Amino acid sequence: MIKEIEMNQDTIEVGTNVRWLSAAGTLEGTVKSIKLGRNAAGDMIPWMLIEGPNFGIRKPLKTRLAATQHNLSMMRVRVI
């Protein structure tokens, strides 16, 4: 398991609150884990598991984001 990811001037680690843009709008959550896994191209990259509050749906938000510099900048991930 990876403990932290460097992103521009910020460090994202387990327990960090983050905000990002998605098709569902601007979402917020807490990083629960950072693990290595394969992407569609077969490369080993870090993945963040993020859990957020209940946004009016039955279950709390859970999502995995590819934690590459390119993806984090495209989704405008920010530490809050």
Protein backbone atom coordinates (compact mmCIF):
# COMPACT_ATOMS: atom_id res chain seq x y z
CA MET A 1 0.00 0.00 0.00
CA ILE A 2 1.23 3.50 -0.84
CA LYS A 3 1.12 6.09 1.94
CA GLU A 4 1.06 9.35 -0.08
CA ILE A 5 1.07 10.91 -3.54
CA GLU A 6 2.79 14.16 -4.48
CA MET A 7 0.56 16.49 -6.52
CA ASN A 8 1.95 19.88 -7.52
CA GLN A 9 2.48 21.60 -4.14
CA ASP A 10 0.07 19.33 -2.24
CA THR A 11 0.56 15.86 -0.78
CA ILE A 12 -2.39 13.49 -0.83
CA GLU A 13 -2.29 10.79 1.83
CA VAL A 14 -4.79 8.49 3.50
CA GLY A 15 -7.25 10.63 5.48
CA THR A 16 -6.90 13.70 3.23
CA ASN A 17 -10.13 15.45 2.17
CA VAL A 18 -10.23 16.11 -1.58
CA ARG A 19 -12.53 17.79 -4.11
CA TRP A 20 -12.70 16.86 -7.81
CA LEU A 21 -14.77 17.40 -10.95
CA SER A 22 -16.75 14.59 -12.54
CA ALA A 23 -19.74 14.10 -14.82
CA ALA A 24 -21.87 14.28 -11.65
CA GLY A 25 -20.47 17.72 -10.80
CA THR A 26 -18.02 18.79 -8.11
CA LEU A 27 -17.65 16.05 -5.50
CA GLU A 28 -15.83 15.80 -2.17
CA GLY A 29 -14.59 12.87 -0.16
CA THR A 30 -11.89 11.42 2.06
CA VAL A 31 -9.05 9.26 0.73
CA LYS A 32 -9.43 5.85 2.43
CA SER A 33 -6.55 4.00 0.72
CA ILE A 34 -3.94 4.31 -2.02
CA LYS A 35 -2.95 1.06 -3.73
CA LEU A 36 -1.13 -0.04 -6.85
CA GLY A 37 -3.16 -1.67 -9.61
CA ARG A 38 -3.15 -2.14 -13.37
CA ASN A 39 -4.80 0.35 -15.69
CA ALA A 40 -6.39 -0.54 -19.06
CA ALA A 41 -2.96 -0.40 -20.76
CA GLY A 42 -1.57 -2.92 -18.25
CA ASP A 43 0.69 -0.42 -16.45
CA MET A 44 0.97 -0.48 -12.65
CA ILE A 45 -0.29 2.87 -11.32
CA PRO A 46 -1.53 4.16 -7.96
CA TRP A 47 -5.30 4.20 -7.36
CA MET A 48 -7.09 6.21 -4.65
CA LEU A 49 -10.22 4.84 -2.95
CA ILE A 50 -12.34 7.84 -1.95
CA GLU A 51 -15.46 7.76 0.22
CA GLY A 52 -17.78 10.72 0.46
CA PRO A 53 -20.95 11.64 2.29
CA ASN A 54 -24.41 10.56 1.23
CA PHE A 55 -25.33 12.88 -1.69
CA GLY A 56 -29.07 12.14 -1.55
CA ILE A 57 -28.65 8.55 -2.67
CA ARG A 58 -29.06 5.45 -0.53
CA LYS A 59 -25.39 4.58 -0.10
CA PRO A 60 -22.42 6.87 0.55
CA LEU A 61 -20.26 7.72 -2.45
CA LYS A 62 -17.33 5.35 -3.07
CA THR A 63 -15.06 5.79 -6.05
CA ARG A 64 -11.58 4.89 -7.27
CA LEU A 65 -9.53 7.47 -9.13
CA ALA A 66 -6.34 6.78 -11.05
CA ALA A 67 -3.76 8.78 -9.12
CA THR A 68 -1.50 9.74 -12.02
CA GLN A 69 -0.42 13.38 -12.41
CA HIS A 70 -2.26 13.60 -15.74
CA ASN A 71 -5.57 12.27 -14.38
CA LEU A 72 -5.44 14.30 -11.16
CA SER A 73 -4.89 17.52 -13.10
CA MET A 74 -7.64 16.71 -15.65
CA MET A 75 -10.15 16.03 -12.87
CA ARG A 76 -8.93 19.11 -10.99
CA VAL A 77 -8.35 17.19 -7.77
CA ARG A 78 -7.66 19.60 -4.91
CA VAL A 79 -6.86 19.11 -1.24
CA ILE A 80 -9.45 20.84 0.97
